[in-house]
Amino acid sequence: MDARWRSSSCSAARYEAIAGSSVSQALKLTRRSSLTGVTESAGRIHVSGRVSGSFKAGTAERIRLRVTCRSSRTVDTLTLTKSGTCSASVAPAVGVKGPVAVYRACTTVLRNGHREPTDSLPVPVS
């Protein structure tokens, strides 16, 4: 399966999935959760993130570490502020297979009044 991106500007971006001669509708995709900073200093990993759109203040956001290709583990659970931001300082990765640790944030947001899971894009730390 392939994907195609069509856009004349960022706000007009649309994505299509292509499988053989079948093509999906042009969908507009948005990311509701993002890690805004992942840095290493003083032997700790400092993680900060932001959630946009509708959510409940106090919602838990889990910081997950990719351990292998098929498994990950929660390294910290944060609480979102009213503005949708969060930050934490976690211990460096132990037991990760490979030279790079990969982190992502996982939380729930509101869509039409219902909770819906969302994840940030993965962020590597070497």
N, C-alpha and C. Protein backbone atom coordinates (compact mmCIF):
# COMPACT_ATOMS: atom_id res chain seq x y z
N MET A 1 0.85 -1.17 0.00
CA MET A 1 0.00 0.00 0.00
C MET A 1 0.89 1.22 0.00
N ASP A 2 0.55 2.19 -0.79
CA ASP A 2 1.27 3.45 -0.87
C ASP A 2 0.39 4.57 -0.35
N ALA A 3 1.01 5.71 -0.13
CA ALA A 3 0.25 6.90 0.27
C ALA A 3 0.66 8.05 -0.62
N ARG A 4 -0.27 8.95 -0.85
CA ARG A 4 0.00 10.12 -1.68
C ARG A 4 -0.46 11.35 -0.91
N TRP A 5 0.32 12.40 -0.97
CA TRP A 5 0.02 13.65 -0.29
C TRP A 5 -0.27 14.70 -1.33
N ARG A 6 -1.41 15.38 -1.19
CA ARG A 6 -1.78 16.47 -2.10
C ARG A 6 -1.97 17.74 -1.29
N SER A 7 -1.35 18.82 -1.74
CA SER A 7 -1.53 20.06 -1.00
C SER A 7 -1.07 21.26 -1.82
N SER A 8 -1.76 22.37 -1.61
CA SER A 8 -1.28 23.65 -2.13
C SER A 8 -0.84 24.51 -0.96
N SER A 9 -1.24 24.13 0.25
CA SER A 9 -0.79 24.78 1.49
C SER A 9 -0.98 23.77 2.62
N CYS A 10 -0.36 24.04 3.77
CA CYS A 10 -0.44 23.09 4.89
C CYS A 10 -1.87 22.85 5.35
N SER A 11 -2.69 23.88 5.39
CA SER A 11 -4.05 23.71 5.88
C SER A 11 -4.93 22.96 4.89
N ALA A 12 -4.46 22.83 3.65
CA ALA A 12 -5.23 22.11 2.63
C ALA A 12 -4.71 20.70 2.39
N ALA A 13 -3.73 20.25 3.20
CA ALA A 13 -3.10 18.94 2.99
C ALA A 13 -4.13 17.82 3.09
N ARG A 14 -4.07 16.91 2.16
CA ARG A 14 -4.94 15.73 2.14
C ARG A 14 -4.08 14.51 1.85
N TYR A 15 -4.48 13.35 2.39
CA TYR A 15 -3.73 12.12 2.20
C TYR A 15 -4.64 11.07 1.58
N GLU A 16 -4.08 10.28 0.67
CA GLU A 16 -4.82 9.19 0.04
C GLU A 16 -4.02 7.91 0.19
N ALA A 17 -4.69 6.80 0.48
CA ALA A 17 -4.05 5.48 0.50
C ALA A 17 -4.31 4.84 -0.86
N ILE A 18 -3.28 4.18 -1.39
CA ILE A 18 -3.38 3.56 -2.70
C ILE A 18 -2.98 2.09 -2.57
N ALA A 19 -3.88 1.19 -2.96
CA ALA A 19 -3.61 -0.25 -2.97
C ALA A 19 -4.02 -0.78 -4.33
N GLY A 20 -3.02 -1.05 -5.19
CA GLY A 20 -3.32 -1.49 -6.55
C GLY A 20 -4.04 -0.38 -7.30
N SER A 21 -5.22 -0.69 -7.81
CA SER A 21 -5.99 0.33 -8.53
C SER A 21 -7.01 1.03 -7.63
N SER A 22 -7.08 0.65 -6.35
CA SER A 22 -8.01 1.27 -5.40
C SER A 22 -7.37 2.49 -4.74
N VAL A 23 -8.13 3.57 -4.64
CA VAL A 23 -7.65 4.80 -4.02
C VAL A 23 -8.70 5.26 -3.01
N SER A 24 -8.25 5.57 -1.79
CA SER A 24 -9.19 6.03 -0.75
C SER A 24 -9.62 7.47 -1.01
N GLN A 25 -10.56 7.95 -0.20
CA GLN A 25 -10.93 9.36 -0.23
C GLN A 25 -9.73 10.18 0.21
N ALA A 26 -9.65 11.43 -0.19
CA ALA A 26 -8.60 12.33 0.26
C ALA A 26 -8.96 12.80 1.67
N LEU A 27 -8.19 12.36 2.66
CA LEU A 27 -8.50 12.66 4.06
C LEU A 27 -7.55 13.71 4.62
N LYS A 28 -8.08 14.56 5.46
CA LYS A 28 -7.26 15.54 6.16
C LYS A 28 -6.91 14.94 7.52
N LEU A 29 -5.63 14.80 7.80
CA LEU A 29 -5.19 14.20 9.05
C LEU A 29 -4.54 15.26 9.93
N THR A 30 -4.83 15.20 11.21
CA THR A 30 -4.19 16.11 12.15
C THR A 30 -3.66 15.32 13.32
N ARG A 31 -2.58 15.77 13.91
CA ARG A 31 -1.99 15.12 15.07
C ARG A 31 -2.37 15.95 16.28
N ARG A 32 -3.03 15.33 17.27
CA ARG A 32 -3.53 16.06 18.44
C ARG A 32 -2.53 16.08 19.59
N SER A 33 -1.57 15.16 19.59
CA SER A 33 -0.58 15.08 20.65
C SER A 33 0.81 15.17 20.03
N SER A 34 1.70 15.94 20.65
CA SER A 34 3.06 16.02 20.13
C SER A 34 4.05 16.18 21.28
N LEU A 35 5.23 15.61 21.09
CA LEU A 35 6.32 15.85 22.01
C LEU A 35 7.06 17.07 21.49
N THR A 36 7.12 18.13 22.30
CA THR A 36 7.73 19.37 21.85
C THR A 36 9.22 19.42 22.17
N GLY A 37 9.66 18.55 23.06
CA GLY A 37 11.09 18.50 23.39
C GLY A 37 11.45 17.21 24.09
N VAL A 38 12.51 16.58 23.62
CA VAL A 38 13.08 15.41 24.28
C VAL A 38 14.59 15.62 24.26
N THR A 39 15.17 15.92 25.42
CA THR A 39 16.60 16.19 25.50
C THR A 39 17.22 15.39 26.64
N GLU A 40 18.52 15.23 26.57
CA GLU A 40 19.24 14.52 27.63
C GLU A 40 20.23 15.47 28.26
N SER A 41 20.20 15.55 29.60
CA SER A 41 21.18 16.35 30.33
C SER A 41 21.23 15.87 31.77
N ALA A 42 22.40 15.98 32.35
CA ALA A 42 22.63 15.59 33.74
C ALA A 42 22.17 14.15 34.01
N GLY A 43 22.33 13.28 33.02
CA GLY A 43 21.98 11.88 33.21
C GLY A 43 20.49 11.60 33.24
N ARG A 44 19.67 12.55 32.82
CA ARG A 44 18.22 12.37 32.79
C ARG A 44 17.70 12.72 31.40
N ILE A 45 16.53 12.19 31.06
CA ILE A 45 15.85 12.52 29.81
C ILE A 45 14.71 13.48 30.17
N HIS A 46 14.73 14.66 29.58
CA HIS A 46 13.71 15.68 29.85
C HIS A 46 12.72 15.67 28.68
N VAL A 47 11.45 15.45 29.01
CA VAL A 47 10.40 15.30 28.01
C VAL A 47 9.35 16.37 28.24
N SER A 48 8.94 17.06 27.16
CA SER A 48 7.83 18.00 27.27
C SER A 48 6.90 17.78 26.08
N GLY A 49 5.62 18.02 26.30
CA GLY A 49 4.65 17.76 25.25
C GLY A 49 3.48 18.71 25.30
N ARG A 50 2.64 18.59 24.28
CA ARG A 50 1.45 19.46 24.17
C ARG A 50 0.34 18.69 23.47
N VAL A 51 -0.88 18.90 23.95
CA VAL A 51 -2.08 18.33 23.34
C VAL A 51 -2.95 19.48 22.88
N SER A 52 -3.48 19.38 21.67
CA SER A 52 -4.33 20.44 21.14
C SER A 52 -5.76 19.94 20.99
N GLY A 53 -6.66 20.87 20.77
CA GLY A 53 -8.07 20.51 20.61
C GLY A 53 -8.74 20.30 21.95
N SER A 54 -9.84 19.56 21.96
CA SER A 54 -10.62 19.33 23.18
C SER A 54 -10.03 18.19 24.01
N PHE A 55 -9.88 18.44 25.29
CA PHE A 55 -9.43 17.43 26.25
C PHE A 55 -9.84 17.92 27.63
N LYS A 56 -9.77 17.05 28.61
CA LYS A 56 -10.08 17.44 29.97
C LYS A 56 -8.79 17.72 30.72
N ALA A 57 -8.71 18.88 31.38
CA ALA A 57 -7.55 19.19 32.21
C ALA A 57 -7.42 18.11 33.26
N GLY A 58 -6.21 17.68 33.54
CA GLY A 58 -5.98 16.61 34.50
C GLY A 58 -5.94 15.23 33.86
N THR A 59 -6.17 15.15 32.55
CA THR A 59 -6.09 13.88 31.85
C THR A 59 -4.66 13.35 31.92
N ALA A 60 -4.51 12.06 32.10
CA ALA A 60 -3.19 11.44 32.16
C ALA A 60 -2.57 11.35 30.77
N GLU A 61 -1.29 11.64 30.69
CA GLU A 61 -0.53 11.42 29.46
C GLU A 61 0.64 10.51 29.82
N ARG A 62 0.71 9.38 29.15
CA ARG A 62 1.77 8.40 29.43
C ARG A 62 2.94 8.63 28.48
N ILE A 63 4.14 8.64 29.03
CA ILE A 63 5.35 8.68 28.22
C ILE A 63 5.82 7.24 28.08
N ARG A 64 5.88 6.77 26.82
CA ARG A 64 6.21 5.37 26.55
C ARG A 64 7.56 5.28 25.87
N LEU A 65 8.31 4.25 26.24
CA LEU A 65 9.62 3.97 25.68
C LEU A 65 9.53 2.71 24.84
N ARG A 66 9.96 2.76 23.60
CA ARG A 66 9.98 1.58 22.73
C ARG A 66 11.15 0.72 23.18
N VAL A 67 10.87 -0.53 23.59
CA VAL A 67 11.90 -1.43 24.09
C VAL A 67 12.42 -2.33 22.96
N THR A 68 11.52 -2.93 22.22
CA THR A 68 11.87 -3.73 21.05
C THR A 68 10.94 -3.31 19.92
N CYS A 69 11.04 -3.97 18.79
CA CYS A 69 10.16 -3.63 17.67
C CYS A 69 8.69 -3.85 18.01
N ARG A 70 8.41 -4.77 18.92
CA ARG A 70 7.02 -5.12 19.22
C ARG A 70 6.54 -4.73 20.61
N SER A 71 7.42 -4.19 21.44
CA SER A 71 6.95 -3.88 22.79
C SER A 71 7.45 -2.51 23.24
N SER A 72 6.67 -1.91 24.13
CA SER A 72 7.04 -0.64 24.74
C SER A 72 6.59 -0.67 26.19
N ARG A 73 7.11 0.25 26.99
CA ARG A 73 6.70 0.32 28.40
C ARG A 73 6.54 1.77 28.81
N THR A 74 5.63 1.99 29.76
CA THR A 74 5.39 3.34 30.28
C THR A 74 6.52 3.69 31.25
N VAL A 75 7.18 4.83 31.01
CA VAL A 75 8.26 5.26 31.89
C VAL A 75 7.81 6.36 32.85
N ASP A 76 6.70 7.04 32.53
CA ASP A 76 6.15 8.05 33.43
C ASP A 76 4.73 8.38 33.00
N THR A 77 3.92 8.79 33.96
CA THR A 77 2.55 9.24 33.68
C THR A 77 2.44 10.67 34.18
N LEU A 78 2.04 11.57 33.30
CA LEU A 78 1.95 12.99 33.60
C LEU A 78 0.50 13.43 33.63
N THR A 79 0.26 14.64 34.12
CA THR A 79 -1.07 15.21 34.13
C THR A 79 -1.07 16.45 33.24
N LEU A 80 -2.01 16.51 32.29
CA LEU A 80 -2.11 17.67 31.40
C LEU A 80 -2.63 18.88 32.16
N THR A 81 -2.04 20.04 31.87
CA THR A 81 -2.52 21.30 32.45
C THR A 81 -3.72 21.80 31.63
N LYS A 82 -4.34 22.89 32.07
CA LYS A 82 -5.46 23.47 31.33
C LYS A 82 -5.05 23.89 29.92
N SER A 83 -3.78 24.29 29.76
CA SER A 83 -3.30 24.72 28.44
C SER A 83 -2.87 23.55 27.57
N GLY A 84 -2.87 22.33 28.12
CA GLY A 84 -2.54 21.16 27.34
C GLY A 84 -1.08 20.79 27.32
N THR A 85 -0.30 21.37 28.24
CA THR A 85 1.13 21.06 28.27
C THR A 85 1.46 20.12 29.42
N CYS A 86 2.61 19.46 29.31
CA CYS A 86 3.10 18.61 30.38
C CYS A 86 4.61 18.47 30.21
N SER A 87 5.30 18.12 31.28
CA SER A 87 6.74 17.88 31.20
C SER A 87 7.15 16.94 32.31
N ALA A 88 8.29 16.26 32.07
CA ALA A 88 8.79 15.30 33.05
C ALA A 88 10.28 15.10 32.83
N SER A 89 10.92 14.54 33.83
CA SER A 89 12.30 14.14 33.75
C SER A 89 12.34 12.67 34.13
N VAL A 90 12.82 11.82 33.21
CA VAL A 90 12.81 10.37 33.46
C VAL A 90 14.23 9.82 33.39
N ALA A 91 14.41 8.65 33.98
CA ALA A 91 15.70 7.98 33.95
C ALA A 91 16.02 7.56 32.51
N PRO A 92 17.30 7.49 32.16
CA PRO A 92 17.65 7.06 30.81
C PRO A 92 17.20 5.62 30.55
N ALA A 93 17.06 5.29 29.29
CA ALA A 93 16.58 3.97 28.88
C ALA A 93 17.55 2.87 29.31
N VAL A 94 16.98 1.80 29.86
CA VAL A 94 17.75 0.61 30.22
C VAL A 94 17.06 -0.58 29.56
N GLY A 95 17.83 -1.46 28.96
CA GLY A 95 17.26 -2.66 28.35
C GLY A 95 16.69 -2.45 26.96
N VAL A 96 17.03 -1.33 26.33
CA VAL A 96 16.53 -1.05 24.98
C VAL A 96 17.45 -1.74 23.98
N LYS A 97 16.86 -2.43 23.01
CA LYS A 97 17.64 -3.09 21.97
C LYS A 97 17.94 -2.09 20.88
N GLY A 98 19.21 -1.77 20.68
CA GLY A 98 19.61 -0.81 19.67
C GLY A 98 20.27 0.40 20.30
N PRO A 99 20.91 1.23 19.46
CA PRO A 99 21.66 2.39 19.98
C PRO A 99 20.80 3.61 20.29
N VAL A 100 19.53 3.59 19.92
CA VAL A 100 18.67 4.77 20.08
C VAL A 100 17.44 4.40 20.90
N ALA A 101 17.09 5.24 21.87
CA ALA A 101 15.85 5.08 22.62
C ALA A 101 14.78 5.90 21.92
N VAL A 102 13.57 5.36 21.80
CA VAL A 102 12.48 6.04 21.11
C VAL A 102 11.33 6.24 22.09
N TYR A 103 10.91 7.51 22.26
CA TYR A 103 9.84 7.88 23.18
C TYR A 103 8.63 8.37 22.40
N ARG A 104 7.44 8.20 22.99
CA ARG A 104 6.23 8.80 22.44
C ARG A 104 5.26 9.05 23.59
N ALA A 105 4.35 10.00 23.38
CA ALA A 105 3.34 10.35 24.38
C ALA A 105 2.00 9.76 23.95
N CYS A 106 1.25 9.22 24.91
CA CYS A 106 -0.06 8.61 24.64
C CYS A 106 -1.07 9.19 25.62
N THR A 107 -2.22 9.63 25.11
CA THR A 107 -3.26 10.21 25.96
C THR A 107 -4.62 10.03 25.31
N THR A 108 -5.65 10.62 25.91
CA THR A 108 -6.98 10.61 25.30
C THR A 108 -7.42 12.06 25.11
N VAL A 109 -8.14 12.28 24.03
CA VAL A 109 -8.71 13.60 23.73
C VAL A 109 -10.20 13.42 23.53
N LEU A 110 -10.92 14.53 23.45
CA LEU A 110 -12.37 14.46 23.25
C LEU A 110 -12.72 14.70 21.79
N ARG A 111 -13.58 13.86 21.27
CA ARG A 111 -14.10 14.04 19.91
C ARG A 111 -15.60 13.82 19.98
N ASN A 112 -16.36 14.86 19.70
CA ASN A 112 -17.82 14.81 19.81
C ASN A 112 -18.26 14.36 21.19
N GLY A 113 -17.51 14.80 22.22
CA GLY A 113 -17.86 14.49 23.61
C GLY A 113 -17.42 13.12 24.08
N HIS A 114 -16.77 12.33 23.23
CA HIS A 114 -16.32 10.99 23.59
C HIS A 114 -14.80 10.96 23.65
N ARG A 115 -14.27 10.14 24.56
CA ARG A 115 -12.83 10.00 24.68
C ARG A 115 -12.27 9.17 23.53
N GLU A 116 -11.14 9.60 23.00
CA GLU A 116 -10.51 8.93 21.87
C GLU A 116 -8.99 8.91 22.11
N PRO A 117 -8.34 7.74 21.99
CA PRO A 117 -6.90 7.69 22.21
C PRO A 117 -6.13 8.39 21.09
N THR A 118 -4.99 8.99 21.44
CA THR A 118 -4.11 9.60 20.45
C THR A 118 -2.67 9.49 20.94
N ASP A 119 -1.75 9.36 19.99
CA ASP A 119 -0.32 9.24 20.31
C ASP A 119 0.45 10.31 19.54
N SER A 120 1.59 10.68 20.11
CA SER A 120 2.48 11.59 19.38
C SER A 120 3.32 10.76 18.40
N LEU A 121 4.00 11.44 17.51
CA LEU A 121 4.96 10.75 16.68
C LEU A 121 6.14 10.32 17.55
N PRO A 122 6.80 9.21 17.22
CA PRO A 122 7.95 8.78 18.02
C PRO A 122 9.12 9.73 17.87
N VAL A 123 9.86 9.94 18.97
CA VAL A 123 11.02 10.83 18.98
C VAL A 123 12.22 10.04 19.47
N PRO A 124 13.30 9.95 18.66
CA PRO A 124 14.48 9.20 19.07
C PRO A 124 15.43 10.03 19.94
N VAL A 125 16.12 9.36 20.85
CA VAL A 125 17.17 9.97 21.67
C VAL A 125 18.35 9.01 21.63
N SER A 126 19.51 9.51 21.18
CA SER A 126 20.68 8.62 21.11
C SER A 126 21.62 8.84 22.28
